Protein backbone atom coordinates (compact mmCIF):
# COMPACT_ATOMS: atom_id res chain seq x y z
CA MET A 1 0.76 -16.04 -4.57
CA PRO A 2 4.32 -15.50 -3.26
CA LEU A 3 5.55 -11.96 -2.79
CA LEU A 4 9.14 -13.04 -3.47
CA GLY A 5 9.85 -14.73 -6.78
CA GLU A 6 12.50 -17.43 -7.18
CA GLN A 7 15.17 -14.89 -8.12
CA GLU A 8 14.38 -12.68 -5.11
CA GLN A 9 14.36 -15.71 -2.82
CA GLN A 10 17.82 -16.70 -4.00
CA ILE A 11 19.15 -13.17 -3.47
CA VAL A 12 17.82 -13.19 0.10
CA ARG A 13 19.16 -16.70 0.69
CA ASP A 14 22.62 -15.65 -0.50
CA ARG A 15 22.65 -12.46 1.58
CA LEU A 16 21.48 -14.11 4.78
CA GLY A 17 23.27 -17.41 4.32
CA ASN A 18 26.30 -16.57 6.42
CA LEU A 19 24.77 -14.87 9.44
CA THR A 20 26.65 -15.64 12.66
CA ARG A 21 24.02 -14.51 15.18
CA ASP A 22 20.37 -15.49 15.46
CA VAL A 23 17.98 -12.68 14.53
CA GLU A 24 14.46 -12.47 15.92
CA ILE A 25 11.80 -10.70 13.90
CA VAL A 26 8.82 -9.76 16.05
CA LEU A 27 5.72 -8.80 14.09
CA PHE A 28 2.64 -7.17 15.55
CA THR A 29 -0.32 -7.68 13.25
CA ASP A 30 -4.08 -7.25 13.68
CA THR A 31 -6.57 -9.70 12.25
CA SER A 32 -9.57 -7.79 13.58
CA THR A 33 -11.96 -6.42 10.97
CA ILE A 34 -13.84 -4.24 13.43
CA VAL A 35 -14.06 -0.59 12.38
CA ALA A 36 -14.46 1.89 15.23
CA PRO A 37 -13.87 5.63 15.73
CA GLY A 38 -10.15 6.19 15.42
CA LYS A 39 -9.53 2.60 14.28
CA GLU A 40 -9.43 1.27 10.76
CA PRO A 41 -8.57 -2.26 9.62
CA CYS A 42 -4.83 -2.74 9.20
CA MET A 43 -3.96 -1.87 5.61
CA TYR A 44 -0.99 -4.18 5.00
CA CYS A 45 -0.91 -6.55 7.97
CA LYS A 46 -1.59 -9.62 5.85
CA GLU A 47 1.07 -8.76 3.27
CA THR A 48 3.64 -7.86 5.93
CA GLN A 49 3.18 -11.21 7.66
CA GLN A 50 3.37 -13.05 4.34
CA LEU A 51 6.61 -11.25 3.43
CA LEU A 52 8.26 -12.15 6.72
CA GLU A 53 7.01 -15.73 6.53
CA GLU A 54 8.67 -16.01 3.13
CA ILE A 55 11.97 -14.62 4.47
CA GLU A 56 12.20 -16.82 7.59
CA PRO A 57 12.86 -20.17 5.87
CA LEU A 58 15.61 -18.64 3.71
CA SER A 59 18.02 -18.53 6.67
CA GLU A 60 18.31 -20.84 9.66
CA LYS A 61 19.41 -17.82 11.70
CA VAL A 62 16.16 -15.88 11.19
CA HIS A 63 13.26 -16.52 13.56
CA LEU A 64 9.80 -14.97 13.23
CA VAL A 65 7.46 -14.38 16.17
CA VAL A 66 3.95 -13.04 15.48
CA TYR A 67 1.59 -11.34 17.92
CA ASP A 68 -1.99 -10.48 17.01
CA LEU A 69 -3.41 -7.27 18.52
CA ALA A 70 -6.85 -8.82 18.22
CA THR A 71 -5.94 -11.16 21.11
CA PRO A 72 -5.35 -10.39 24.80
CA GLU A 73 -1.81 -11.78 24.57
CA GLY A 74 -1.05 -9.58 21.58
CA LYS A 75 -2.39 -6.48 23.31
CA ALA A 76 -0.34 -7.21 26.43
CA LYS A 77 2.83 -7.78 24.41
CA ALA A 78 2.21 -4.58 22.44
CA GLU A 79 1.99 -2.60 25.66
CA GLU A 80 5.12 -4.28 27.00
CA MET A 81 7.07 -3.59 23.79
CA ARG A 82 5.66 -0.09 23.26
CA VAL A 83 3.88 -0.87 20.00
CA GLU A 84 1.14 1.55 18.95
CA ASP A 85 0.05 0.51 15.45
CA PRO A 86 0.06 -2.61 13.30
CA PRO A 87 1.91 -3.71 11.35
CA THR A 88 4.98 -3.06 13.49
CA ILE A 89 8.19 -5.05 13.10
CA ILE A 90 10.89 -5.20 15.79
CA LEU A 91 14.31 -6.62 14.93
CA ARG A 92 16.70 -7.85 17.62
CA GLU A 93 19.24 -10.47 18.48
CA LYS A 94 17.43 -13.61 19.59
CA GLY A 95 17.50 -13.89 23.37
CA THR A 96 17.58 -10.14 24.03
CA ASP A 97 14.73 -7.86 25.02
CA ALA A 98 15.67 -4.95 22.74
CA VAL A 99 12.73 -3.13 21.14
CA ASN A 100 14.37 -0.08 19.58
CA VAL A 101 15.03 -1.15 15.97
CA ARG A 102 11.60 -1.08 14.40
CA TYR A 103 9.39 -0.55 11.35
CA ARG A 104 5.87 0.87 11.47
CA GLY A 105 4.38 -0.26 8.18
CA ILE A 106 5.36 -2.74 5.53
CA PRO A 107 9.03 -2.57 4.42
CA ALA A 108 8.17 -2.62 0.73
CA GLY A 109 9.85 -1.15 -2.32
CA TYR A 110 13.19 0.41 -1.49
CA GLU A 111 12.63 -0.30 2.20
CA PHE A 112 12.95 -4.03 1.59
CA ALA A 113 16.67 -3.32 1.19
CA SER A 114 16.66 -1.63 4.61
CA LEU A 115 15.11 -4.73 6.16
CA LEU A 116 17.73 -7.04 4.68
CA GLU A 117 20.58 -4.73 5.70
CA ASP A 118 19.20 -4.54 9.24
CA ILE A 119 19.05 -8.32 9.47
CA GLU A 120 22.65 -8.46 8.26
CA MET A 121 23.64 -5.78 10.79
CA ILE A 122 22.12 -7.64 13.72
CA GLY A 123 23.05 -11.10 12.49
CA ARG A 124 26.60 -10.47 11.32
CA ASP A 125 27.98 -7.05 10.46
CA GLY A 126 27.31 -4.88 13.54
CA HIS A 127 26.48 -1.19 13.45
CA GLY A 128 29.82 -0.02 12.04
CA LEU A 129 29.69 3.35 13.78
CA PRO A 130 32.84 5.07 15.06
CA ASP A 131 33.49 4.72 18.79
CA ASP A 132 33.12 8.45 19.38
CA VAL A 133 29.60 8.44 17.88
CA VAL A 134 28.56 5.46 20.03
CA ASN A 135 30.00 7.14 23.12
CA GLU A 136 28.01 10.30 22.43
CA LEU A 137 24.81 8.31 21.96
CA ASN A 138 25.33 6.36 25.18
CA ALA A 139 26.07 9.59 27.05
CA LEU A 140 22.66 11.09 26.23
CA PRO A 141 20.81 11.87 29.48
CA SER A 142 17.52 10.40 28.24
CA GLU A 143 16.06 8.25 25.49
CA VAL A 144 15.51 9.88 22.12
CA THR A 145 12.83 8.76 19.67
CA VAL A 146 13.55 9.19 15.97
CA GLN A 147 10.82 8.39 13.45
CA VAL A 148 11.95 8.35 9.82
CA PHE A 149 9.00 8.86 7.47
CA VAL A 150 9.42 7.11 4.13
CA THR A 151 7.54 5.91 1.06
CA PRO A 152 8.28 2.67 -0.83
CA THR A 153 9.25 4.57 -4.00
CA CYS A 154 11.81 6.86 -2.34
CA PRO A 155 15.37 5.82 -3.30
CA TYR A 156 16.97 8.08 -0.67
CA CYS A 157 14.89 6.89 2.29
CA PRO A 158 16.81 3.68 3.07
CA GLN A 159 19.96 5.66 3.86
CA ALA A 160 18.15 7.65 6.55
CA VAL A 161 16.44 4.56 7.94
CA ARG A 162 19.70 2.66 8.09
CA THR A 163 21.48 5.50 9.89
CA ILE A 164 18.83 5.66 12.60
CA HIS A 165 18.68 1.88 12.94
CA ARG A 166 22.46 1.78 13.29
CA PHE A 167 22.14 4.36 16.07
CA ALA A 168 19.42 2.29 17.74
CA TYR A 169 21.36 -0.95 17.49
CA ALA A 170 24.47 0.73 18.87
CA SER A 171 22.75 2.40 21.83
CA PRO A 172 19.67 1.73 23.98
CA LYS A 173 19.28 5.52 24.22
CA ILE A 174 17.88 5.65 20.66
CA MET A 175 14.42 4.41 19.65
CA GLY A 176 14.68 4.24 15.86
CA GLU A 177 11.55 3.67 13.81
CA MET A 178 10.78 3.68 10.10
CA VAL A 179 7.26 4.98 9.45
CA GLU A 180 5.59 4.30 6.10
CA ALA A 181 4.00 7.71 5.55
CA GLN A 182 1.18 6.57 3.27
CA GLU A 183 0.03 3.85 5.67
CA PHE A 184 -0.25 6.29 8.56
CA PRO A 185 -1.70 9.50 7.10
CA ALA A 186 -2.83 10.92 10.46
CA LEU A 187 0.70 10.65 11.83
CA SER A 188 2.11 12.17 8.64
CA GLN A 189 -0.35 15.07 8.88
CA LYS A 190 0.52 15.59 12.53
CA TYR A 191 4.14 16.27 11.60
CA ASN A 192 3.38 18.01 8.28
CA ILE A 193 5.28 15.47 6.23
CA SER A 194 5.53 16.88 2.73
CA GLY A 195 8.65 15.10 1.51
CA VAL A 196 10.65 12.04 2.44
CA PRO A 197 12.83 11.00 4.08
CA ASP A 198 11.87 13.20 7.00
CA ALA A 199 13.20 12.26 10.45
CA ILE A 200 11.11 13.53 13.35
CA ILE A 201 13.02 13.65 16.63
CA ASN A 202 11.24 13.59 19.99
CA GLY A 203 7.86 14.42 18.52
CA GLY A 204 9.07 17.30 16.36
CA VAL A 205 11.53 19.05 18.65
CA GLN A 206 14.03 18.60 15.81
CA ARG A 207 13.80 17.16 12.32
CA VAL A 208 16.24 16.10 9.64
CA LEU A 209 15.14 16.36 6.03
CA GLY A 210 16.76 14.19 3.41
CA ALA A 211 19.41 11.48 3.52
CA GLN A 212 21.93 13.37 5.62
CA PRO A 213 25.26 12.08 6.97
CA VAL A 214 25.66 10.51 10.40
CA SER A 215 26.98 13.78 11.81
CA ALA A 216 23.79 15.66 10.88
CA PHE A 217 21.57 13.13 12.66
CA LEU A 218 23.81 13.11 15.72
CA GLU A 219 23.80 16.90 15.94
CA ALA A 220 20.00 17.07 15.61
CA ILE A 221 19.59 14.44 18.34
CA LYS A 222 21.86 16.42 20.69
CA LYS A 223 19.92 19.61 19.96
CA ALA A 224 16.62 17.84 20.68
CA VAL A 225 17.91 16.65 24.03
CA ALA A 226 19.22 20.09 24.91
CA ALA A 227 15.90 21.68 24.00
CA THR A 228 13.99 19.47 26.40
CA ALA A 229 16.53 19.39 29.23
């Protein structure tokens, strides 16, 4: 059964119909059903792959590549691209080796809008950030990891995800990742996630609660770097 109905397919087709750059969607899934200590079967790998497979044919500029962590090739690619858990989605311009605009978990509910906007950003619109913000990001002395914890029913989460993904697309100094909090409860417990969106910077050195403006995220990132310098 399709995840996207005819109406949803047409909306996606219209939105992605005038992309000017080719967008590569790299999905890391896991078809293994083996349960071991510290490893559970992937909760939404099948649905995530189905969703992306339904999106790909709706635009000639969208290209899906799938790696399976149950295979040696998939494991090697995951290590190369710094992927820890399935399902993980990496968005980038086709032909580049960027790995810093990513989703850990299925982009469902309100986060489906984030996915479409990210494809539009990479395939047509660009990040849209002011030059001074981009300059500050590029001037950071080291890479900064920002994980935005979300739930599919949170209407404010996409704004935070989009801000961090704009940062990541604008600068290789930012690793920006959406994390679906309910899919990864151990990670959520590690950072004491009690509300979303909650952006965890450099493993908790700083955090930004709520859908804050660009300036708030930039300031928190700079503080995180200063704290670990």
